[in-house]
Every structure is written in structure tokens, then in C-alpha cells.
Amino acid sequence: MTKVEVSFKHLPTTAISDATGGHTNLRSDIKPLADHFKIAGRAVTVRLPDGENGAVLEAIRAASEGDILVIDAKSNTNRAVAGDFVISLAKGMGVQGFVVDGVIRDIEAIRELDFPVFALGTTVAAGNKHGGGKVNGPIAIGGVTVQPGDYIIGDIDGVIVVPQGDAEQIVAAAEAKVKKDEVRAQEAHAHGKESIIAYLDKVLAK
């Protein structure tokens, strides 16, 4: 992982969201399949025709180790973009995770693989492989535009996109926010109820 990716991996998504102004958060219905999943890496983007998933295989082949597949499946909840076999291929190639504006299947087996997937949910139906789709072009997912190479950070609170040109600035701002929050918490709880009242009065007086 790069220095920036390591920094993002250790920062909570809430602090990163504050640093971006909250403008690049994916919709809250794109959720991790397990609470402990945490991802931070570069996007390999995939745009799928409705109900298709063939381009996901192309993206796995094109990905570098540590990359995250970000899949625009048009919010289709009828057909899966991947099942446990495809996920196993991605894991074997060193892909770090999937972020899907759509659904997956074989959820129990995928959880056993311990592979981070953020998606709208699950289905029993496989996707089609009739062709179409595009890898590493601009996409829109969860209400946010994603370019190939943008940073994707996700945990139990949600998923954030950080444009690659803004990454170092956002890391610095997020780290400063974490430190500021730590100081605030220490001051507010330093003397029990008395310091909590003092903090509330200070904020409410603004």
C-alpha cells in the first residue's frame, strides 16, 4: 500500500467525510456485508449494462494488487454482479474489495472468504454475460462520480470517494479533525458533569 492508502486505512470514514465536506459519500444503502470490513485503495471502475456482469471478469484481470472494484450496476437488485466463485478469483488476484451499486449472491460463502463487499444486498439470480460494459471509464455510483484511480475508503459507517488529486490534502485535514475531536472529548469530560455543562454552554452561545 502507498503512504496515502495506509493513512486512509487508519482514518475513520467519518473524519474523511468531514474533511471532504460530506460531498463524496456514497448513498447509505450501499453497506458492508460484515461490520469489520475496512477498505482503502484505488478504484478500478466498472460500468455494467442492466443485469450484466461480464465486465467484472475483465476488471479483475486488469486490477493491480490492492485495487478496489467499483461497480456501477444501475442499482439493479434482480441479478448479481458476482457470486462466491468470482469473488474468490478477485481475492486470489489481490483485489482488496468490491463496492457495488447493485447486489451479489452466495453471501454465506463470500463471508467465509472474508472478502470486503459493500453492496445494496443479495439475490439468488446470476448476472448475464451477453456482452457490453466498460472497465476504467468514469462512472456514477451511489450518487457520486468516480474516476479510475480515485481513492475509495469504506467501513461500517459508509463509503467515500476521494479524487486522487485531493488525497494528500484530505488526509491532512482528516488527521487534524481526529486530533481536534480528541481534544474536544478530553475537555468535555475532564470534570464530569461540570465540564459537560461548560462545553454545552460554550457551543450554545455561538
C-alpha atoms as a PDB file:
ATOM      1  CA  MET A   1       0.000   0.000   0.000  1.00  0.00           C
ATOM      2  CA  THR A   2       1.108   3.576  -0.619  1.00  0.00           C
ATOM      3  CA  LYS A   3       1.586   6.045   2.237  1.00  0.00           C
ATOM      4  CA  VAL A   4      -1.708   7.731   1.356  1.00  0.00           C
ATOM      5  CA  GLU A   5      -3.558   4.404   1.329  1.00  0.00           C
ATOM      6  CA  VAL A   6      -2.109   3.458   4.719  1.00  0.00           C
ATOM      7  CA  SER A   7      -3.213   6.825   6.105  1.00  0.00           C
ATOM      8  CA  PHE A   8      -6.740   6.376   4.750  1.00  0.00           C
ATOM      9  CA  LYS A   9      -6.849   2.823   6.138  1.00  0.00           C
ATOM     10  CA  HIS A  10      -6.217   4.125   9.653  1.00  0.00           C
ATOM     11  CA  LEU A  11      -8.647   7.041   9.490  1.00  0.00           C
ATOM     12  CA  PRO A  12     -12.365   6.692  10.254  1.00  0.00           C
ATOM     13  CA  THR A  13     -14.614   7.421   7.303  1.00  0.00           C
ATOM     14  CA  THR A  14     -16.437   9.981   9.437  1.00  0.00           C
ATOM     15  CA  ALA A  15     -13.296  12.119   9.704  1.00  0.00           C
ATOM     16  CA  ILE A  16     -12.595  11.752   5.983  1.00  0.00           C
ATOM     17  CA  SER A  17     -16.175  12.775   5.225  1.00  0.00           C
ATOM     18  CA  ASP A  18     -15.760  15.884   7.379  1.00  0.00           C
ATOM     19  CA  ALA A  19     -12.550  16.693   5.509  1.00  0.00           C
ATOM     20  CA  THR A  20     -14.319  16.452   2.141  1.00  0.00           C
ATOM     21  CA  GLY A  21     -17.294  18.489   3.321  1.00  0.00           C
ATOM     22  CA  GLY A  22     -19.530  15.436   3.017  1.00  0.00           C
ATOM     23  CA  HIS A  23     -19.877  15.840  -0.752  1.00  0.00           C
ATOM     24  CA  THR A  24     -18.444  12.500  -1.911  1.00  0.00           C
ATOM     25  CA  ASN A  25     -20.168   9.983   0.350  1.00  0.00           C
ATOM     26  CA  LEU A  26     -21.979   7.154  -1.416  1.00  0.00           C
ATOM     27  CA  ARG A  27     -25.646   6.607  -0.586  1.00  0.00           C
ATOM     28  CA  SER A  28     -26.112   4.995   2.807  1.00  0.00           C
ATOM     29  CA  ASP A  29     -27.872   1.915   1.375  1.00  0.00           C
ATOM     30  CA  ILE A  30     -24.540   0.644  -0.013  1.00  0.00           C
ATOM     31  CA  LYS A  31     -23.476  -1.306   3.072  1.00  0.00           C
ATOM     32  CA  PRO A  32     -20.721  -3.763   4.055  1.00  0.00           C
ATOM     33  CA  LEU A  33     -21.668  -7.438   4.254  1.00  0.00           C
ATOM     34  CA  ALA A  34     -19.792  -7.638   7.579  1.00  0.00           C
ATOM     35  CA  ASP A  35     -19.252  -4.947  10.194  1.00  0.00           C
ATOM     36  CA  HIS A  36     -15.476  -5.389  10.386  1.00  0.00           C
ATOM     37  CA  PHE A  37     -14.776  -4.706   6.710  1.00  0.00           C
ATOM     38  CA  LYS A  38     -12.476  -1.747   6.070  1.00  0.00           C
ATOM     39  CA  ILE A  39     -11.100  -0.815   2.653  1.00  0.00           C
ATOM     40  CA  ALA A  40      -8.814   1.916   1.357  1.00  0.00           C
ATOM     41  CA  GLY A  41      -7.372   1.797  -2.133  1.00  0.00           C
ATOM     42  CA  ARG A  42      -7.563   2.883  -5.761  1.00  0.00           C
ATOM     43  CA  ALA A  43     -10.671   2.420  -7.873  1.00  0.00           C
ATOM     44  CA  VAL A  44     -10.911   0.169 -10.894  1.00  0.00           C
ATOM     45  CA  THR A  45     -14.240   1.293 -12.292  1.00  0.00           C
ATOM     46  CA  VAL A  46     -16.787  -0.960 -13.994  1.00  0.00           C
ATOM     47  CA  ARG A  47     -19.937   0.150 -15.795  1.00  0.00           C
ATOM     48  CA  LEU A  48     -22.396  -2.674 -16.446  1.00  0.00           C
ATOM     49  CA  PRO A  49     -25.439  -2.873 -18.704  1.00  0.00           C
ATOM     50  CA  ASP A  50     -28.580  -3.702 -16.743  1.00  0.00           C
ATOM     51  CA  GLY A  51     -28.435  -7.289 -15.468  1.00  0.00           C
ATOM     52  CA  GLU A  52     -24.975  -7.995 -16.929  1.00  0.00           C
ATOM     53  CA  ASN A  53     -21.735  -8.872 -15.141  1.00  0.00           C
ATOM     54  CA  GLY A  54     -19.246  -9.996 -17.804  1.00  0.00           C
ATOM     55  CA  ALA A  55     -17.093  -6.871 -17.483  1.00  0.00           C
ATOM     56  CA  VAL A  56     -16.421  -7.721 -13.830  1.00  0.00           C
ATOM     57  CA  LEU A  57     -14.103 -10.509 -15.013  1.00  0.00           C
ATOM     58  CA  GLU A  58     -12.299  -8.081 -17.298  1.00  0.00           C
ATOM     59  CA  ALA A  59     -11.846  -5.699 -14.362  1.00  0.00           C
ATOM     60  CA  ILE A  60     -10.410  -8.436 -12.148  1.00  0.00           C
ATOM     61  CA  ARG A  61      -7.878  -9.223 -14.877  1.00  0.00           C
ATOM     62  CA  ALA A  62      -6.958  -5.536 -15.222  1.00  0.00           C
ATOM     63  CA  ALA A  63      -6.683  -4.786 -11.488  1.00  0.00           C
ATOM     64  CA  SER A  64      -3.454  -4.410  -9.556  1.00  0.00           C
ATOM     65  CA  GLU A  65      -2.974  -5.794  -6.065  1.00  0.00           C
ATOM     66  CA  GLY A  66      -4.791  -3.660  -3.515  1.00  0.00           C
ATOM     67  CA  ASP A  67      -7.213  -2.129  -6.013  1.00  0.00           C
ATOM     68  CA  ILE A  68     -10.940  -1.903  -5.321  1.00  0.00           C
ATOM     69  CA  LEU A  69     -13.546  -2.731  -7.959  1.00  0.00           C
ATOM     70  CA  VAL A  70     -16.209  -0.013  -8.012  1.00  0.00           C
ATOM     71  CA  ILE A  71     -19.163  -1.328  -9.969  1.00  0.00           C
ATOM     72  CA  ASP A  72     -21.997   0.734 -11.439  1.00  0.00           C
ATOM     73  CA  ALA A  73     -24.753  -1.856 -11.811  1.00  0.00           C
ATOM     74  CA  LYS A  74     -27.530   0.735 -12.203  1.00  0.00           C
ATOM     75  CA  SER A  75     -28.935  -0.190  -8.766  1.00  0.00           C
ATOM     76  CA  ASN A  76     -30.206  -3.467 -10.259  1.00  0.00           C
ATOM     77  CA  THR A  77     -31.304  -5.717  -7.395  1.00  0.00           C
ATOM     78  CA  ASN A  78     -32.542  -8.628  -9.537  1.00  0.00           C
ATOM     79  CA  ARG A  79     -29.275 -10.066 -10.871  1.00  0.00           C
ATOM     80  CA  ALA A  80     -25.955 -10.402  -9.063  1.00  0.00           C
ATOM     81  CA  VAL A  81     -22.752  -8.810 -10.301  1.00  0.00           C
ATOM     82  CA  ALA A  82     -20.764 -11.622  -8.652  1.00  0.00           C
ATOM     83  CA  GLY A  83     -21.020 -14.788  -6.588  1.00  0.00           C
ATOM     84  CA  ASP A  84     -18.541 -16.647  -4.441  1.00  0.00           C
ATOM     85  CA  PHE A  85     -16.547 -18.062  -7.363  1.00  0.00           C
ATOM     86  CA  VAL A  86     -15.943 -14.662  -8.969  1.00  0.00           C
ATOM     87  CA  ILE A  87     -15.139 -13.187  -5.565  1.00  0.00           C
ATOM     88  CA  SER A  88     -12.601 -15.973  -4.988  1.00  0.00           C
ATOM     89  CA  LEU A  89     -10.909 -15.059  -8.276  1.00  0.00           C
ATOM     90  CA  ALA A  90     -10.720 -11.414  -7.238  1.00  0.00           C
ATOM     91  CA  LYS A  91      -9.278 -12.323  -3.846  1.00  0.00           C
ATOM     92  CA  GLY A  92      -6.729 -14.609  -5.486  1.00  0.00           C
ATOM     93  CA  MET A  93      -5.593 -11.750  -7.723  1.00  0.00           C
ATOM     94  CA  GLY A  94      -5.069  -9.462  -4.734  1.00  0.00           C
ATOM     95  CA  VAL A  95      -8.115  -7.248  -5.274  1.00  0.00           C
ATOM     96  CA  GLN A  96      -8.930  -5.588  -1.952  1.00  0.00           C
ATOM     97  CA  GLY A  97     -12.708  -5.348  -2.166  1.00  0.00           C
ATOM     98  CA  PHE A  98     -15.859  -4.621  -4.175  1.00  0.00           C
ATOM     99  CA  VAL A  99     -18.137  -1.588  -3.931  1.00  0.00           C
ATOM    100  CA  VAL A 100     -21.343  -2.300  -5.841  1.00  0.00           C
ATOM    101  CA  ASP A 101     -24.371  -0.198  -6.735  1.00  0.00           C
ATOM    102  CA  GLY A 102     -26.205  -3.495  -7.095  1.00  0.00           C
ATOM    103  CA  VAL A 103     -26.300  -6.920  -5.454  1.00  0.00           C
ATOM    104  CA  ILE A 104     -24.218 -10.067  -5.048  1.00  0.00           C
ATOM    105  CA  ARG A 105     -25.098 -13.672  -4.287  1.00  0.00           C
ATOM    106  CA  ASP A 106     -23.647 -16.621  -2.310  1.00  0.00           C
ATOM    107  CA  ILE A 107     -23.381 -14.332   0.706  1.00  0.00           C
ATOM    108  CA  GLU A 108     -22.527 -17.075   3.205  1.00  0.00           C
ATOM    109  CA  ALA A 109     -19.614 -18.338   1.116  1.00  0.00           C
ATOM    110  CA  ILE A 110     -18.386 -14.785   0.488  1.00  0.00           C
ATOM    111  CA  ARG A 111     -18.412 -14.093   4.212  1.00  0.00           C
ATOM    112  CA  GLU A 112     -16.320 -17.242   4.703  1.00  0.00           C
ATOM    113  CA  LEU A 113     -13.835 -15.831   2.192  1.00  0.00           C
ATOM    114  CA  ASP A 114     -13.654 -12.717   4.431  1.00  0.00           C
ATOM    115  CA  PHE A 115     -13.565 -10.534   1.336  1.00  0.00           C
ATOM    116  CA  PRO A 116     -14.876  -6.983   1.777  1.00  0.00           C
ATOM    117  CA  VAL A 117     -18.016  -6.339  -0.264  1.00  0.00           C
ATOM    118  CA  PHE A 118     -20.143  -3.202   0.024  1.00  0.00           C
ATOM    119  CA  ALA A 119     -23.437  -3.592  -1.844  1.00  0.00           C
ATOM    120  CA  LEU A 120     -27.180  -2.949  -1.844  1.00  0.00           C
ATOM    121  CA  GLY A 121     -27.854  -6.526  -0.752  1.00  0.00           C
ATOM    122  CA  THR A 122     -28.134 -10.031  -2.145  1.00  0.00           C
ATOM    123  CA  THR A 123     -30.143 -12.032  -4.668  1.00  0.00           C
ATOM    124  CA  VAL A 124     -30.346 -15.637  -5.825  1.00  0.00           C
ATOM    125  CA  ALA A 125     -30.189 -14.809  -9.545  1.00  0.00           C
ATOM    126  CA  ALA A 126     -26.943 -14.839 -11.534  1.00  0.00           C
ATOM    127  CA  GLY A 127     -25.996 -11.994 -13.829  1.00  0.00           C
ATOM    128  CA  ASN A 128     -25.933 -12.398 -17.601  1.00  0.00           C
ATOM    129  CA  LYS A 129     -22.815 -12.453 -19.787  1.00  0.00           C
ATOM    130  CA  HIS A 130     -24.224 -11.240 -23.078  1.00  0.00           C
ATOM    131  CA  GLY A 131     -21.549  -8.586 -23.504  1.00  0.00           C
ATOM    132  CA  GLY A 132     -21.207  -4.873 -23.059  1.00  0.00           C
ATOM    133  CA  GLY A 133     -19.861  -2.999 -20.120  1.00  0.00           C
ATOM    134  CA  LYS A 134     -16.765  -0.865 -19.750  1.00  0.00           C
ATOM    135  CA  VAL A 135     -13.739  -1.011 -17.471  1.00  0.00           C
ATOM    136  CA  ASN A 136     -11.806   2.046 -16.264  1.00  0.00           C
ATOM    137  CA  GLY A 137     -14.032   4.784 -17.536  1.00  0.00           C
ATOM    138  CA  PRO A 138     -15.854   7.415 -15.474  1.00  0.00           C
ATOM    139  CA  ILE A 139     -18.921   6.080 -13.639  1.00  0.00           C
ATOM    140  CA  ALA A 140     -21.595   7.315 -11.267  1.00  0.00           C
ATOM    141  CA  ILE A 141     -22.296   5.145  -8.232  1.00  0.00           C
ATOM    142  CA  GLY A 142     -24.323   5.894  -5.143  1.00  0.00           C
ATOM    143  CA  GLY A 143     -24.835   9.478  -6.283  1.00  0.00           C
ATOM    144  CA  VAL A 144     -21.109  10.188  -6.734  1.00  0.00           C
ATOM    145  CA  THR A 145     -18.890  10.344  -9.810  1.00  0.00           C
ATOM    146  CA  VAL A 146     -15.854   8.053  -9.672  1.00  0.00           C
ATOM    147  CA  GLN A 147     -12.836   8.234 -11.949  1.00  0.00           C
ATOM    148  CA  PRO A 148     -10.356   5.358 -12.356  1.00  0.00           C
ATOM    149  CA  GLY A 149      -7.606   5.761  -9.759  1.00  0.00           C
ATOM    150  CA  ASP A 150      -9.702   7.731  -7.270  1.00  0.00           C
ATOM    151  CA  TYR A 151      -9.347   6.629  -3.657  1.00  0.00           C
ATOM    152  CA  ILE A 152     -12.151   4.559  -2.152  1.00  0.00           C
ATOM    153  CA  ILE A 153     -12.449   4.309   1.620  1.00  0.00           C
ATOM    154  CA  GLY A 154     -15.129   2.252   3.329  1.00  0.00           C
ATOM    155  CA  ASP A 155     -16.050   0.918   6.760  1.00  0.00           C
ATOM    156  CA  ILE A 156     -19.189   0.217   8.758  1.00  0.00           C
ATOM    157  CA  ASP A 157     -20.240   3.886   8.549  1.00  0.00           C
ATOM    158  CA  GLY A 158     -20.164   4.052   4.755  1.00  0.00           C
ATOM    159  CA  VAL A 159     -18.072   4.587   1.633  1.00  0.00           C
ATOM    160  CA  ILE A 160     -16.305   7.764   0.488  1.00  0.00           C
ATOM    161  CA  VAL A 161     -14.674   8.705  -2.803  1.00  0.00           C
ATOM    162  CA  VAL A 162     -11.605  10.952  -2.684  1.00  0.00           C
ATOM    163  CA  PRO A 163     -10.406  12.299  -6.048  1.00  0.00           C
ATOM    164  CA  GLN A 164      -6.804  11.224  -6.495  1.00  0.00           C
ATOM    165  CA  GLY A 165      -5.554  14.791  -6.863  1.00  0.00           C
ATOM    166  CA  ASP A 166      -7.027  15.757  -3.478  1.00  0.00           C
ATOM    167  CA  ALA A 167      -5.794  12.757  -1.491  1.00  0.00           C
ATOM    168  CA  GLU A 168      -2.876  14.276   0.458  1.00  0.00           C
ATOM    169  CA  GLN A 169      -4.879  17.380   1.347  1.00  0.00           C
ATOM    170  CA  ILE A 170      -7.821  15.268   2.567  1.00  0.00           C
ATOM    171  CA  VAL A 171      -5.550  13.008   4.637  1.00  0.00           C
ATOM    172  CA  ALA A 172      -4.046  16.040   6.384  1.00  0.00           C
ATOM    173  CA  ALA A 173      -7.463  17.579   7.044  1.00  0.00           C
ATOM    174  CA  ALA A 174      -8.894  14.291   8.340  1.00  0.00           C
ATOM    175  CA  GLU A 175      -5.937  13.731  10.670  1.00  0.00           C
ATOM    176  CA  ALA A 176      -6.381  17.272  12.023  1.00  0.00           C
ATOM    177  CA  LYS A 177     -10.094  16.579  12.578  1.00  0.00           C
ATOM    178  CA  VAL A 178      -9.325  13.414  14.552  1.00  0.00           C
ATOM    179  CA  LYS A 179      -6.917  15.321  16.821  1.00  0.00           C
ATOM    180  CA  LYS A 180      -9.417  18.149  17.281  1.00  0.00           C
ATOM    181  CA  ASP A 181     -12.140  15.676  18.253  1.00  0.00           C
ATOM    182  CA  GLU A 182      -9.822  14.007  20.765  1.00  0.00           C
ATOM    183  CA  VAL A 183      -9.085  17.359  22.426  1.00  0.00           C
ATOM    184  CA  ARG A 184     -12.792  18.251  22.487  1.00  0.00           C
ATOM    185  CA  ALA A 185     -13.695  14.939  24.135  1.00  0.00           C
ATOM    186  CA  GLN A 186     -10.963  15.320  26.762  1.00  0.00           C
ATOM    187  CA  GLU A 187     -12.073  18.850  27.638  1.00  0.00           C
ATOM    188  CA  ALA A 188     -15.777  17.995  27.724  1.00  0.00           C
ATOM    189  CA  HIS A 189     -15.282  15.042  30.053  1.00  0.00           C
ATOM    190  CA  ALA A 190     -12.373  16.347  32.153  1.00  0.00           C
ATOM    191  CA  HIS A 191     -14.508  17.137  35.226  1.00  0.00           C
ATOM    192  CA  GLY A 192     -17.669  15.108  34.714  1.00  0.00           C
ATOM    193  CA  LYS A 193     -20.996  16.931  34.540  1.00  0.00           C
ATOM    194  CA  GLU A 194     -19.409  20.315  35.286  1.00  0.00           C
ATOM    195  CA  SER A 195     -17.201  20.263  32.181  1.00  0.00           C
ATOM    196  CA  ILE A 196     -20.039  18.865  30.031  1.00  0.00           C
ATOM    197  CA  ILE A 197     -22.234  21.814  31.044  1.00  0.00           C
ATOM    198  CA  ALA A 198     -19.395  24.233  30.303  1.00  0.00           C
ATOM    199  CA  TYR A 199     -18.944  22.693  26.840  1.00  0.00           C
ATOM    200  CA  LEU A 200     -22.677  22.799  26.062  1.00  0.00           C
ATOM    201  CA  ASP A 201     -22.946  26.422  27.192  1.00  0.00           C
ATOM    202  CA  LYS A 202     -19.969  27.382  25.012  1.00  0.00           C
ATOM    203  CA  VAL A 203     -21.467  25.749  21.920  1.00  0.00           C
ATOM    204  CA  LEU A 204     -24.984  27.046  22.512  1.00  0.00           C
ATOM    205  CA  ALA A 205     -23.688  30.592  23.000  1.00  0.00           C
ATOM    206  CA  LYS A 206     -22.355  30.729  19.438  1.00  0.00           C
END
